[in-house]
PDB file of N, CA and C in Angstrom:
ATOM      1  N   UNK A   1     149.759  89.497 104.340  1.00  0.00           N
ATOM      2  CA  UNK A   1     148.459  88.951 104.529  1.00  0.00           C
ATOM      3  C   UNK A   1     148.549  87.517 104.998  1.00  0.00           C
ATOM      4  N   UNK A   2     147.654  87.271 105.911  1.00  0.00           N
ATOM      5  CA  UNK A   2     147.663  85.906 106.422  1.00  0.00           C
ATOM      6  C   UNK A   2     146.447  85.179 105.916  1.00  0.00           C
ATOM      7  N   UNK A   3     146.620  83.980 105.677  1.00  0.00           N
ATOM      8  CA  UNK A   3     145.527  83.136 105.213  1.00  0.00           C
ATOM      9  C   UNK A   3     145.093  82.264 106.372  1.00  0.00           C
ATOM     10  N   UNK A   4     143.781  82.338 106.630  1.00  0.00           N
ATOM     11  CA  UNK A   4     143.274  81.513 107.728  1.00  0.00           C
ATOM     12  C   UNK A   4     142.811  80.195 107.151  1.00  0.00           C
ATOM     13  N   UNK A   5     142.948  79.253 107.955  1.00  0.00           N
ATOM     14  CA  UNK A   5     142.531  77.921 107.564  1.00  0.00           C
ATOM     15  C   UNK A   5     141.144  77.661 108.079  1.00  0.00           C
ATOM     16  N   UNK A   6     140.293  77.123 107.247  1.00  0.00           N
ATOM     17  CA  UNK A   6     138.927  76.796 107.668  1.00  0.00           C
ATOM     18  C   UNK A   6     138.926  75.356 108.142  1.00  0.00           C
ATOM     19  N   UNK A   7     138.649  75.219 109.379  1.00  0.00           N
ATOM     20  CA  UNK A   7     138.541  73.851 109.902  1.00  0.00           C
ATOM     21  C   UNK A   7     137.077  73.453 109.948  1.00  0.00           C
ATOM     22  N   UNK A   8     136.807  72.229 110.277  1.00  0.00           N
ATOM     23  CA  UNK A   8     135.434  71.688 110.285  1.00  0.00           C
ATOM     24  C   UNK A   8     134.531  72.461 111.240  1.00  0.00           C
ATOM     25  N   UNK A   9     135.066  72.813 112.362  1.00  0.00           N
ATOM     26  CA  UNK A   9     134.263  73.532 113.361  1.00  0.00           C
ATOM     27  C   UNK A   9     133.829  74.896 112.821  1.00  0.00           C
ATOM     28  N   UNK A  10     134.764  75.550 112.217  1.00  0.00           N
ATOM     29  CA  UNK A  10     134.455  76.868 111.662  1.00  0.00           C
ATOM     30  C   UNK A  10     133.491  76.749 110.488  1.00  0.00           C
ATOM     31  N   UNK A  11     133.656  75.766 109.642  1.00  0.00           N
ATOM     32  CA  UNK A  11     132.739  75.530 108.520  1.00  0.00           C
ATOM     33  C   UNK A  11     131.340  75.186 109.028  1.00  0.00           C
ATOM     34  N   UNK A  12     131.249  74.416 110.121  1.00  0.00           N
ATOM     35  CA  UNK A  12     129.940  74.075 110.713  1.00  0.00           C
ATOM     36  C   UNK A  12     129.233  75.335 111.222  1.00  0.00           C
ATOM     37  N   UNK A  13     130.007  76.229 111.861  1.00  0.00           N
ATOM     38  CA  UNK A  13     129.401  77.475 112.350  1.00  0.00           C
ATOM     39  C   UNK A  13     128.905  78.335 111.192  1.00  0.00           C
ATOM     40  N   UNK A  14     129.709  78.384 110.128  1.00  0.00           N
ATOM     41  CA  UNK A  14     129.296  79.140 108.944  1.00  0.00           C
ATOM     42  C   UNK A  14     128.045  78.524 108.326  1.00  0.00           C
ATOM     43  N   UNK A  15     127.992  77.216 108.253  1.00  0.00           N
ATOM     44  CA  UNK A  15     126.818  76.522 107.707  1.00  0.00           C
ATOM     45  C   UNK A  15     125.597  76.792 108.579  1.00  0.00           C
ATOM     46  N   UNK A  16     125.794  76.769 109.896  1.00  0.00           N
ATOM     47  CA  UNK A  16     124.679  77.056 110.819  1.00  0.00           C
ATOM     48  C   UNK A  16     124.200  78.496 110.649  1.00  0.00           C
ATOM     49  N   UNK A  17     125.140  79.425 110.483  1.00  0.00           N
ATOM     50  CA  UNK A  17     124.758  80.825 110.269  1.00  0.00           C
ATOM     51  C   UNK A  17     123.981  80.977 108.975  1.00  0.00           C
ATOM     52  N   UNK A  18     124.468  80.334 107.920  1.00  0.00           N
ATOM     53  CA  UNK A  18     123.773  80.399 106.630  1.00  0.00           C
ATOM     54  C   UNK A  18     122.394  79.768 106.754  1.00  0.00           C
ATOM     55  N   UNK A  19     122.302  78.651 107.464  1.00  0.00           N
ATOM     56  CA  UNK A  19     121.000  77.986 107.661  1.00  0.00           C
ATOM     57  C   UNK A  19     120.055  78.885 108.462  1.00  0.00           C
ATOM     58  N   UNK A  20     120.585  79.557 109.481  1.00  0.00           N
ATOM     59  CA  UNK A  20     119.766  80.487 110.267  1.00  0.00           C
ATOM     60  C   UNK A  20     119.269  81.642 109.415  1.00  0.00           C
ATOM     61  N   UNK A  21     120.173  82.176 108.579  1.00  0.00           N
ATOM     62  CA  UNK A  21     119.765  83.259 107.682  1.00  0.00           C
ATOM     63  C   UNK A  21     118.722  82.774 106.679  1.00  0.00           C
ATOM     64  N   UNK A  22     118.893  81.556 106.184  1.00  0.00           N
ATOM     65  CA  UNK A  22     117.925  80.980 105.245  1.00  0.00           C
ATOM     66  C   UNK A  22     116.562  80.844 105.913  1.00  0.00           C
ATOM     67  N   UNK A  23     116.565  80.383 107.155  1.00  0.00           N
ATOM     68  CA  UNK A  23     115.297  80.248 107.897  1.00  0.00           C
ATOM     69  C   UNK A  23     114.640  81.616 108.094  1.00  0.00           C
ATOM     70  N   UNK A  24     115.463  82.620 108.407  1.00  0.00           N
ATOM     71  CA  UNK A  24     114.908  83.962 108.594  1.00  0.00           C
ATOM     72  C   UNK A  24     114.338  84.502 107.289  1.00  0.00           C
ATOM     73  N   UNK A  25     115.051  84.278 106.182  1.00  0.00           N
ATOM     74  CA  UNK A  25     114.560  84.718 104.874  1.00  0.00           C
ATOM     75  C   UNK A  25     113.258  83.997 104.546  1.00  0.00           C
ATOM     76  N   UNK A  26     113.181  82.691 104.839  1.00  0.00           N
ATOM     77  CA  UNK A  26     111.941  81.936 104.601  1.00  0.00           C
ATOM     78  C   UNK A  26     110.797  82.491 105.452  1.00  0.00           C
ATOM     79  N   UNK A  27     111.090  82.792 106.712  1.00  0.00           N
ATOM     80  CA  UNK A  27     110.061  83.364 107.594  1.00  0.00           C
ATOM     81  C   UNK A  27     109.593  84.726 107.074  1.00  0.00           C
ATOM     82  N   UNK A  28     110.565  85.529 106.618  1.00  0.00           N
ATOM     83  CA  UNK A  28     110.208  86.840 106.063  1.00  0.00           C
ATOM     84  C   UNK A  28     109.359  86.663 104.813  1.00  0.00           C
ATOM     85  N   UNK A  29     109.719  85.694 103.962  1.00  0.00           N
ATOM     86  CA  UNK A  29     108.947  85.433 102.740  1.00  0.00           C
ATOM     87  C   UNK A  29     107.532  84.985 103.091  1.00  0.00           C
ATOM     88  N   UNK A  30     107.405  84.109 104.098  1.00  0.00           N
ATOM     89  CA  UNK A  30     106.075  83.660 104.537  1.00  0.00           C
ATOM     90  C   UNK A  30     105.266  84.832 105.096  1.00  0.00           C
ATOM     91  N   UNK A  31     105.928  85.666 105.886  1.00  0.00           N
ATOM     92  CA  UNK A  31     105.242  86.841 106.440  1.00  0.00           C
ATOM     93  C   UNK A  31     104.805  87.778 105.329  1.00  0.00           C
ATOM     94  N   UNK A  32     105.694  87.961 104.345  1.00  0.00           N
ATOM     95  CA  UNK A  32     105.369  88.825 103.219  1.00  0.00           C
ATOM     96  C   UNK A  32     104.183  88.270 102.432  1.00  0.00           C
ATOM     97  N   UNK A  33     104.155  86.967 102.234  1.00  0.00           N
ATOM     98  CA  UNK A  33     103.028  86.339 101.525  1.00  0.00           C
ATOM     99  C   UNK A  33     101.733  86.519 102.313  1.00  0.00           C
ATOM    100  N   UNK A  34     101.822  86.333 103.622  1.00  0.00           N
ATOM    101  CA  UNK A  34     100.645  86.521 104.477  1.00  0.00           C
ATOM    102  C   UNK A  34     100.163  87.971 104.430  1.00  0.00           C
ATOM    103  N   UNK A  35     101.112  88.905 104.488  1.00  0.00           N
ATOM    104  CA  UNK A  35     100.742  90.320 104.421  1.00  0.00           C
ATOM    105  C   UNK A  35     100.142  90.671 103.065  1.00  0.00           C
ATOM    106  N   UNK A  36     100.678  90.079 102.005  1.00  0.00           N
ATOM    107  CA  UNK A  36     100.135  90.322 100.665  1.00  0.00           C
ATOM    108  C   UNK A  36      98.688  89.847 100.588  1.00  0.00           C
ATOM    109  N   UNK A  37      98.423  88.665 101.162  1.00  0.00           N
ATOM    110  CA  UNK A  37      97.041  88.154 101.175  1.00  0.00           C
ATOM    111  C   UNK A  37      96.133  89.081 101.978  1.00  0.00           C
ATOM    112  N   UNK A  38      96.640  89.591 103.094  1.00  0.00           N
ATOM    113  CA  UNK A  38      95.835  90.505 103.911  1.00  0.00           C
ATOM    114  C   UNK A  38      95.563  91.804 103.172  1.00  0.00           C
ATOM    115  N   UNK A  39      96.582  92.322 102.466  1.00  0.00           N
ATOM    116  CA  UNK A  39      96.397  93.549 101.683  1.00  0.00           C
ATOM    117  C   UNK A  39      95.360  93.314 100.589  1.00  0.00           C
ATOM    118  N   UNK A  40      95.441  92.152  99.916  1.00  0.00           N
ATOM    119  CA  UNK A  40      94.450  91.824  98.881  1.00  0.00           C
ATOM    120  C   UNK A  40      93.050  91.742  99.483  1.00  0.00           C
ATOM    121  N   UNK A  41      92.955  91.116 100.653  1.00  0.00           N
ATOM    122  CA  UNK A  41      91.663  91.002 101.335  1.00  0.00           C
ATOM    123  C   UNK A  41      91.126  92.382 101.712  1.00  0.00           C
ATOM    124  N   UNK A  42      92.008  93.242 102.198  1.00  0.00           N
ATOM    125  CA  UNK A  42      91.600  94.607 102.556  1.00  0.00           C
ATOM    126  C   UNK A  42      91.166  95.376 101.315  1.00  0.00           C
ATOM    127  N   UNK A  43      91.864  95.162 100.202  1.00  0.00           N
ATOM    128  CA  UNK A  43      91.491  95.842  98.952  1.00  0.00           C
ATOM    129  C   UNK A  43      90.100  95.412  98.501  1.00  0.00           C
ATOM    130  N   UNK A  44      89.805  94.108  98.612  1.00  0.00           N
ATOM    131  CA  UNK A  44      88.470  93.609  98.240  1.00  0.00           C
ATOM    132  C   UNK A  44      87.419  94.200  99.175  1.00  0.00           C
ATOM    133  N   UNK A  45      87.721  94.206 100.480  1.00  0.00           N
ATOM    134  CA  UNK A  45      86.774  94.771 101.450  1.00  0.00           C
ATOM    135  C   UNK A  45      86.559  96.257 101.188  1.00  0.00           C
ATOM    136  N   UNK A  46      87.625  96.957 100.827  1.00  0.00           N
ATOM    137  CA  UNK A  46      87.511  98.389 100.528  1.00  0.00           C
ATOM    138  C   UNK A  46      86.638  98.615  99.305  1.00  0.00           C
ATOM    139  N   UNK A  47      86.825  97.785  98.285  1.00  0.00           N
ATOM    140  CA  UNK A  47      85.991  97.916  97.088  1.00  0.00           C
ATOM    141  C   UNK A  47      84.524  97.636  97.410  1.00  0.00           C
ATOM    142  N   UNK A  48      84.289  96.604  98.229  1.00  0.00           N
ATOM    143  CA  UNK A  48      82.908  96.309  98.645  1.00  0.00           C
ATOM    144  C   UNK A  48      82.319  97.476  99.428  1.00  0.00           C
ATOM    145  N   UNK A  49      83.131  98.064 100.310  1.00  0.00           N
ATOM    146  CA  UNK A  49      82.660  99.221 101.082  1.00  0.00           C
ATOM    147  C   UNK A  49      82.354 100.400 100.169  1.00  0.00           C
ATOM    148  N   UNK A  50      83.208 100.602  99.167  1.00  0.00           N
ATOM    149  CA  UNK A  50      82.965 101.700  98.224  1.00  0.00           C
ATOM    150  C   UNK A  50      81.660 101.491  97.470  1.00  0.00           C
ATOM    151  N   UNK A  51      81.395 100.241  97.054  1.00  0.00           N
ATOM    152  CA  UNK A  51      80.123  99.955  96.372  1.00  0.00           C
ATOM    153  C   UNK A  51      78.943 100.206  97.305  1.00  0.00           C
ATOM    154  N   UNK A  52      79.101  99.792  98.560  1.00  0.00           N
ATOM    155  CA  UNK A  52      78.039 100.010  99.543  1.00  0.00           C
ATOM    156  C   UNK A  52      77.821 101.501  99.778  1.00  0.00           C
ATOM    157  N   UNK A  53      78.907 102.260  99.837  1.00  0.00           N
ATOM    158  CA  UNK A  53      78.795 103.713 100.021  1.00  0.00           C
ATOM    159  C   UNK A  53      78.063 104.339  98.841  1.00  0.00           C
ATOM    160  N   UNK A  54      78.412 103.915  97.625  1.00  0.00           N
ATOM    161  CA  UNK A  54      77.736 104.452  96.439  1.00  0.00           C
ATOM    162  C   UNK A  54      76.256 104.085  96.447  1.00  0.00           C
ATOM    163  N   UNK A  55      75.971 102.844  96.842  1.00  0.00           N
ATOM    164  CA  UNK A  55      74.575 102.408  96.912  1.00  0.00           C
ATOM    165  C   UNK A  55      73.810 103.227  97.945  1.00  0.00           C
ATOM    166  N   UNK A  56      74.426 103.425  99.107  1.00  0.00           N
ATOM    167  CA  UNK A  56      73.779 104.226 100.153  1.00  0.00           C
ATOM    168  C   UNK A  56      73.566 105.662  99.690  1.00  0.00           C
ATOM    169  N   UNK A  57      74.537 106.189  98.959  1.00  0.00           N
ATOM    170  CA  UNK A  57      74.398 107.561  98.454  1.00  0.00           C
ATOM    171  C   UNK A  57      73.217 107.654  97.495  1.00  0.00           C
ATOM    172  N   UNK A  58      73.041 106.631  96.645  1.00  0.00           N
ATOM    173  CA  UNK A  58      71.896 106.638  95.726  1.00  0.00           C
ATOM    174  C   UNK A  58      70.580 106.551  96.499  1.00  0.00           C
ATOM    175  N   UNK A  59      70.554 105.704  97.537  1.00  0.00           N
ATOM    176  CA  UNK A  59      69.338 105.573  98.353  1.00  0.00           C
ATOM    177  C   UNK A  59      69.032 106.891  99.060  1.00  0.00           C
ATOM    178  N   UNK A  60      70.056 107.517  99.623  1.00  0.00           N
ATOM    179  CA  UNK A  60      69.857 108.794 100.317  1.00  0.00           C
ATOM    180  C   UNK A  60      69.345 109.850  99.350  1.00  0.00           C
ATOM    181  N   UNK A  61      69.900 109.886  98.139  1.00  0.00           N
ATOM    182  CA  UNK A  61      69.443 110.857  97.141  1.00  0.00           C
ATOM    183  C   UNK A  61      67.992 110.587  96.762  1.00  0.00           C
ATOM    184  N   UNK A  62      67.647 109.297  96.606  1.00  0.00           N
ATOM    185  CA  UNK A  62      66.264 108.955  96.269  1.00  0.00           C
ATOM    186  C   UNK A  62      65.319 109.380  97.395  1.00  0.00           C
ATOM    187  N   UNK A  63      65.724 109.143  98.640  1.00  0.00           N
ATOM    188  CA  UNK A  63      64.893 109.553  99.782  1.00  0.00           C
ATOM    189  C   UNK A  63      64.749 111.070  99.837  1.00  0.00           C
ATOM    190  N   UNK A  64      65.821 111.776  99.552  1.00  0.00           N
ATOM    191  CA  UNK A  64      65.753 113.244  99.542  1.00  0.00           C
ATOM    192  C   UNK A  64      64.804 113.722  98.450  1.00  0.00           C
ATOM    193  N   UNK A  65      64.845 113.063  97.289  1.00  0.00           N
ATOM    194  CA  UNK A  65      63.934 113.430  96.198  1.00  0.00           C
ATOM    195  C   UNK A  65      62.484 113.184  96.596  1.00  0.00           C
ATOM    196  N   UNK A  66      62.230 112.028  97.230  1.00  0.00           N
ATOM    197  CA  UNK A  66      60.866 111.705  97.664  1.00  0.00           C
ATOM    198  C   UNK A  66      60.394 112.718  98.704  1.00  0.00           C
ATOM    199  N   UNK A  67      61.281 113.085  99.630  1.00  0.00           N
ATOM    200  CA  UNK A  67      60.912 114.066 100.661  1.00  0.00           C
ATOM    201  C   UNK A  67      60.590 115.415 100.026  1.00  0.00           C
ATOM    202  N   UNK A  68      61.374 115.812  99.036  1.00  0.00           N
ATOM    203  CA  UNK A  68      61.116 117.089  98.355  1.00  0.00           C
ATOM    204  C   UNK A  68      59.781 117.044  97.619  1.00  0.00           C
ATOM    205  N   UNK A  69      59.503 115.918  96.959  1.00  0.00           N
ATOM    206  CA  UNK A  69      58.216 115.780  96.265  1.00  0.00           C
ATOM    207  C   UNK A  69      57.065 115.824  97.265  1.00  0.00           C
ATOM    208  N   UNK A  70      57.245 115.159  98.401  1.00  0.00           N
ATOM    209  CA  UNK A  70      56.195 115.147  99.425  1.00  0.00           C
ATOM    210  C   UNK A  70      55.948 116.556  99.957  1.00  0.00           C
ATOM    211  N   UNK A  71      57.030 117.317 100.181  1.00  0.00           N
ATOM    212  CA  UNK A  71      56.865 118.708 100.640  1.00  0.00           C
ATOM    213  C   UNK A  71      56.093 119.517  99.613  1.00  0.00           C
ATOM    214  N   UNK A  72      56.445 119.351  98.349  1.00  0.00           N
ATOM    215  CA  UNK A  72      55.770 120.103  97.289  1.00  0.00           C
ATOM    216  C   UNK A  72      54.293 119.718  97.210  1.00  0.00           C
ATOM    217  N   UNK A  73      54.016 118.415  97.285  1.00  0.00           N
ATOM    218  CA  UNK A  73      52.621 117.964  97.243  1.00  0.00           C
ATOM    219  C   UNK A  73      51.847 118.485  98.448  1.00  0.00           C
ATOM    220  N   UNK A  74      52.500 118.490  99.620  1.00  0.00           N
ATOM    221  CA  UNK A  74      51.837 118.989 100.828  1.00  0.00           C
ATOM    222  C   UNK A  74      51.509 120.469 100.678  1.00  0.00           C
ATOM    223  N   UNK A  75      52.434 121.243 100.126  1.00  0.00           N
ATOM    224  CA  UNK A  75      52.183 122.669  99.904  1.00  0.00           C
ATOM    225  C   UNK A  75      51.020 122.866  98.934  1.00  0.00           C
ATOM    226  N   UNK A  76      50.992 122.065  97.874  1.00  0.00           N
ATOM    227  CA  UNK A  76      49.888 122.163  96.919  1.00  0.00           C
ATOM    228  C   UNK A  76      48.569 121.797  97.588  1.00  0.00           C
ATOM    229  N   UNK A  77      48.607 120.772  98.444  1.00  0.00           N
ATOM    230  CA  UNK A  77      47.402 120.366  99.163  1.00  0.00           C
ATOM    231  C   UNK A  77      46.918 121.491 100.080  1.00  0.00           C
ATOM    232  N   UNK A  78      47.835 122.135 100.793  1.00  0.00           N
ATOM    233  CA  UNK A  78      47.451 123.248 101.659  1.00  0.00           C
ATOM    234  C   UNK A  78      46.854 124.400 100.843  1.00  0.00           C
ATOM    235  N   UNK A  79      47.422 124.660  99.677  1.00  0.00           N
ATOM    236  CA  UNK A  79      46.872 125.715  98.821  1.00  0.00           C
ATOM    237  C   UNK A  79      45.453 125.358  98.384  1.00  0.00           C
ATOM    238  N   UNK A  80      45.255 124.086  97.983  1.00  0.00           N
ATOM    239  CA  UNK A  80      43.901 123.665  97.590  1.00  0.00           C
ATOM    240  C   UNK A  80      42.936 123.752  98.765  1.00  0.00           C
ATOM    241  N   UNK A  81      43.417 123.385  99.964  1.00  0.00           N
ATOM    242  CA  UNK A  81      42.556 123.473 101.147  1.00  0.00           C
ATOM    243  C   UNK A  81      42.168 124.926 101.415  1.00  0.00           C
ATOM    244  N   UNK A  82      43.116 125.840 101.275  1.00  0.00           N
ATOM    245  CA  UNK A  82      42.819 127.263 101.464  1.00  0.00           C
ATOM    246  C   UNK A  82      41.786 127.735 100.445  1.00  0.00           C
ATOM    247  N   UNK A  83      41.943 127.296  99.196  1.00  0.00           N
ATOM    248  CA  UNK A  83      40.977 127.673  98.157  1.00  0.00           C
ATOM    249  C   UNK A  83      39.590 127.115  98.487  1.00  0.00           C
ATOM    250  N   UNK A  84      39.543 125.852  98.912  1.00  0.00           N
ATOM    251  CA  UNK A  84      38.259 125.241  99.260  1.00  0.00           C
ATOM    252  C   UNK A  84      37.629 125.950 100.457  1.00  0.00           C
ATOM    253  N   UNK A  85      38.441 126.309 101.437  1.00  0.00           N
ATOM    254  CA  UNK A  85      37.916 127.034 102.599  1.00  0.00           C
ATOM    255  C   UNK A  85      37.347 128.380 102.181  1.00  0.00           C
ATOM    256  N   UNK A  86      38.013 129.059 101.257  1.00  0.00           N
ATOM    257  CA  UNK A  86      37.503 130.345 100.768  1.00  0.00           C
ATOM    258  C   UNK A  86      36.161 130.145 100.069  1.00  0.00           C
ATOM    259  N   UNK A  87      36.045 129.083  99.289  1.00  0.00           N
ATOM    260  CA  UNK A  87      34.773 128.787  98.603  1.00  0.00           C
ATOM    261  C   UNK A  87      33.689 128.475  99.623  1.00  0.00           C
ATOM    262  N   UNK A  88      34.030 127.705 100.668  1.00  0.00           N
ATOM    263  CA  UNK A  88      33.053 127.366 101.712  1.00  0.00           C
ATOM    264  C   UNK A  88      32.580 128.628 102.416  1.00  0.00           C
ATOM    265  N   UNK A  89      33.510 129.522 102.751  1.00  0.00           N
ATOM    266  CA  UNK A  89      33.134 130.782 103.409  1.00  0.00           C
ATOM    267  C   UNK A  89      32.202 131.581 102.504  1.00  0.00           C
ATOM    268  N   UNK A  90      32.513 131.638 101.215  1.00  0.00           N
ATOM    269  CA  UNK A  90      31.666 132.366 100.265  1.00  0.00           C
ATOM    270  C   UNK A  90      30.275 131.733 100.214  1.00  0.00           C
ATOM    271  N   UNK A  91      30.204 130.407 100.176  1.00  0.00           N
ATOM    272  CA  UNK A  91      28.901 129.726 100.147  1.00  0.00           C
ATOM    273  C   UNK A  91      28.117 129.994 101.426  1.00  0.00           C
ATOM    274  N   UNK A  92      28.828 129.979 102.561  1.00  0.00           N
ATOM    275  CA  UNK A  92      28.145 130.255 103.823  1.00  0.00           C
ATOM    276  C   UNK A  92      27.562 131.666 103.821  1.00  0.00           C
ATOM    277  N   UNK A  93      28.316 132.621 103.297  1.00  0.00           N
ATOM    278  CA  UNK A  93      27.806 133.995 103.215  1.00  0.00           C
ATOM    279  C   UNK A  93      26.593 134.065 102.292  1.00  0.00           C
ATOM    280  N   UNK A  94      26.646 133.334 101.181  1.00  0.00           N
ATOM    281  CA  UNK A  94      25.504 133.314 100.263  1.00  0.00           C
ATOM    282  C   UNK A  94      24.290 132.677 100.919  1.00  0.00           C
ATOM    283  N   UNK A  95      24.509 131.628 101.717  1.00  0.00           N
ATOM    284  CA  UNK A  95      23.395 130.970 102.416  1.00  0.00           C
ATOM    285  C   UNK A  95      22.758 131.935 103.403  1.00  0.00           C
ATOM    286  N   UNK A  96      23.591 132.672 104.145  1.00  0.00           N
ATOM    287  CA  UNK A  96      23.054 133.660 105.087  1.00  0.00           C
ATOM    288  C   UNK A  96      22.220 134.687 104.324  1.00  0.00           C
ATOM    289  N   UNK A  97      22.718 135.165 103.204  1.00  0.00           N
ATOM    290  CA  UNK A  97      21.974 136.132 102.383  1.00  0.00           C
ATOM    291  C   UNK A  97      20.662 135.541 101.885  1.00  0.00           C
ATOM    292  N   UNK A  98      20.685 134.282 101.440  1.00  0.00           N
ATOM    293  CA  UNK A  98      19.451 133.630 100.969  1.00  0.00           C
ATOM    294  C   UNK A  98      18.447 133.471 102.102  1.00  0.00           C
ATOM    295  N   UNK A  99      18.908 133.160 103.307  1.00  0.00           N
ATOM    296  CA  UNK A  99      17.999 133.035 104.451  1.00  0.00           C
ATOM    297  C   UNK A  99      17.315 134.372 104.727  1.00  0.00           C
ATOM    298  N   UNK A 100      18.115 135.440 104.718  1.00  0.00           N
ATOM    299  CA  UNK A 100      17.541 136.774 104.970  1.00  0.00           C
ATOM    300  C   UNK A 100      16.513 137.096 103.897  1.00  0.00           C
ATOM    301  N   UNK A 101      16.852 136.830 102.650  1.00  0.00           N
ATOM    302  CA  UNK A 101      15.929 137.109 101.544  1.00  0.00           C
ATOM    303  C   UNK A 101      14.669 136.259 101.655  1.00  0.00           C
ATOM    304  N   UNK A 102      14.828 135.007 102.060  1.00  0.00           N
ATOM    305  CA  UNK A 102      13.665 134.119 102.226  1.00  0.00           C
ATOM    306  C   UNK A 102      12.767 134.620 103.346  1.00  0.00           C
ATOM    307  N   UNK A 103      13.328 135.071 104.446  1.00  0.00           N
ATOM    308  CA  UNK A 103      12.525 135.602 105.554  1.00  0.00           C
ATOM    309  C   UNK A 103      11.765 136.850 105.118  1.00  0.00           C
ATOM    310  N   UNK A 104      12.429 137.722 104.376  1.00  0.00           N
ATOM    311  CA  UNK A 104      11.743 138.921 103.887  1.00  0.00           C
ATOM    312  C   UNK A 104      10.570 138.540 102.994  1.00  0.00           C
ATOM    313  N   UNK A 105      10.845 137.585 102.096  1.00  0.00           N
ATOM    314  CA  UNK A 105       9.772 137.141 101.196  1.00  0.00           C
ATOM    315  C   UNK A 105       8.624 136.553 101.999  1.00  0.00           C
ATOM    316  N   UNK A 106       8.945 135.729 102.988  1.00  0.00           N
ATOM    317  CA  UNK A 106       7.894 135.147 103.836  1.00  0.00           C
ATOM    318  C   UNK A 106       7.131 136.234 104.585  1.00  0.00           C
ATOM    319  N   UNK A 107       7.871 137.204 105.111  1.00  0.00           N
ATOM    320  CA  UNK A 107       7.212 138.313 105.813  1.00  0.00           C
ATOM    321  C   UNK A 107       6.267 139.063 104.873  1.00  0.00           C
ATOM    322  N   UNK A 108       6.727 139.310 103.668  1.00  0.00           N
ATOM    323  CA  UNK A 108       5.878 140.014 102.689  1.00  0.00           C
ATOM    324  C   UNK A 108       4.633 139.195 102.406  1.00  0.00           C
ATOM    325  N   UNK A 109       4.816 137.890 102.171  1.00  0.00           N
ATOM    326  CA  UNK A 109       3.666 137.026 101.867  1.00  0.00           C
ATOM    327  C   UNK A 109       2.708 136.953 103.051  1.00  0.00           C
ATOM    328  N   UNK A 110       3.267 136.836 104.255  1.00  0.00           N
ATOM    329  CA  UNK A 110       2.404 136.780 105.440  1.00  0.00           C
ATOM    330  C   UNK A 110       1.653 138.094 105.625  1.00  0.00           C
ATOM    331  N   UNK A 111       2.328 139.198 105.406  1.00  0.00           N
ATOM    332  CA  UNK A 111       1.669 140.506 105.515  1.00  0.00           C
ATOM    333  C   UNK A 111       0.556 140.635 104.484  1.00  0.00           C
ATOM    334  N   UNK A 112       0.824 140.172 103.255  1.00  0.00           N
ATOM    335  CA  UNK A 112      -0.206 140.244 102.214  1.00  0.00           C
ATOM    336  C   UNK A 112      -1.396 139.366 102.590  1.00  0.00           C
ATOM    337  N   UNK A 113      -1.146 138.183 103.127  1.00  0.00           N
ATOM    338  CA  UNK A 113      -2.229 137.293 103.518  1.00  0.00           C
ATOM    339  C   UNK A 113      -3.020 137.891 104.672  1.00  0.00           C
ATOM    340  N   UNK A 114      -2.291 138.447 105.630  1.00  0.00           N
ATOM    341  CA  UNK A 114      -2.973 139.055 106.770  1.00  0.00           C
ATOM    342  C   UNK A 114      -3.821 140.248 106.325  1.00  0.00           C
ATOM    343  N   UNK A 115      -3.323 141.032 105.382  1.00  0.00           N
ATOM    344  CA  UNK A 115      -4.093 142.167 104.880  1.00  0.00           C
ATOM    345  C   UNK A 115      -5.329 141.667 104.129  1.00  0.00           C
ATOM    346  N   UNK A 116      -5.153 140.551 103.424  1.00  0.00           N
ATOM    347  CA  UNK A 116      -6.293 139.973 102.712  1.00  0.00           C
ATOM    348  C   UNK A 116      -7.325 139.436 103.682  1.00  0.00           C
ATOM    349  N   UNK A 117      -6.869 138.850 104.780  1.00  0.00           N
ATOM    350  CA  UNK A 117      -7.781 138.322 105.782  1.00  0.00           C
ATOM    351  C   UNK A 117      -8.505 139.462 106.483  1.00  0.00           C
ATOM    352  N   UNK A 118      -7.828 140.564 106.700  1.00  0.00           N
ATOM    353  CA  UNK A 118      -8.420 141.706 107.374  1.00  0.00           C
ATOM    354  C   UNK A 118      -9.454 142.404 106.485  1.00  0.00           C
ATOM    355  N   UNK A 119      -9.295 142.387 105.187  1.00  0.00           N
ATOM    356  CA  UNK A 119     -10.222 143.051 104.286  1.00  0.00           C
ATOM    357  C   UNK A 119     -11.498 142.244 104.146  1.00  0.00           C
ATOM    358  N   UNK A 120     -11.498 141.058 104.410  1.00  0.00           N
ATOM    359  CA  UNK A 120     -12.693 140.244 104.254  1.00  0.00           C
ATOM    360  C   UNK A 120     -13.605 140.427 105.366  1.00  0.00           C
TER     361      UNK A 120
END
């Protein structure tokens, strides 16, 4: 085995290599710190988005409930309108019947008066 001698030039190159590696490790550490901050920021943004999604889901559910209630109320209103229309039709038929009955009564009264006028 041979033993090499380290001269100043060789030691300087080794020191420069170590310094270069140290700089690279520092750069990697800085990059890692920056990436960690970005990941933390993304995690916060994700949590905020999740809260917003949950809030939107609650709003959508509330709107769906209101729409369902409105549909039900509209159906009930249409049913009441149909019932009222049936009552109106029945009243109209009764009015027609009352008019006919009133005309008959008037005719009878007029005939009786005319017969009374003729007998005199």
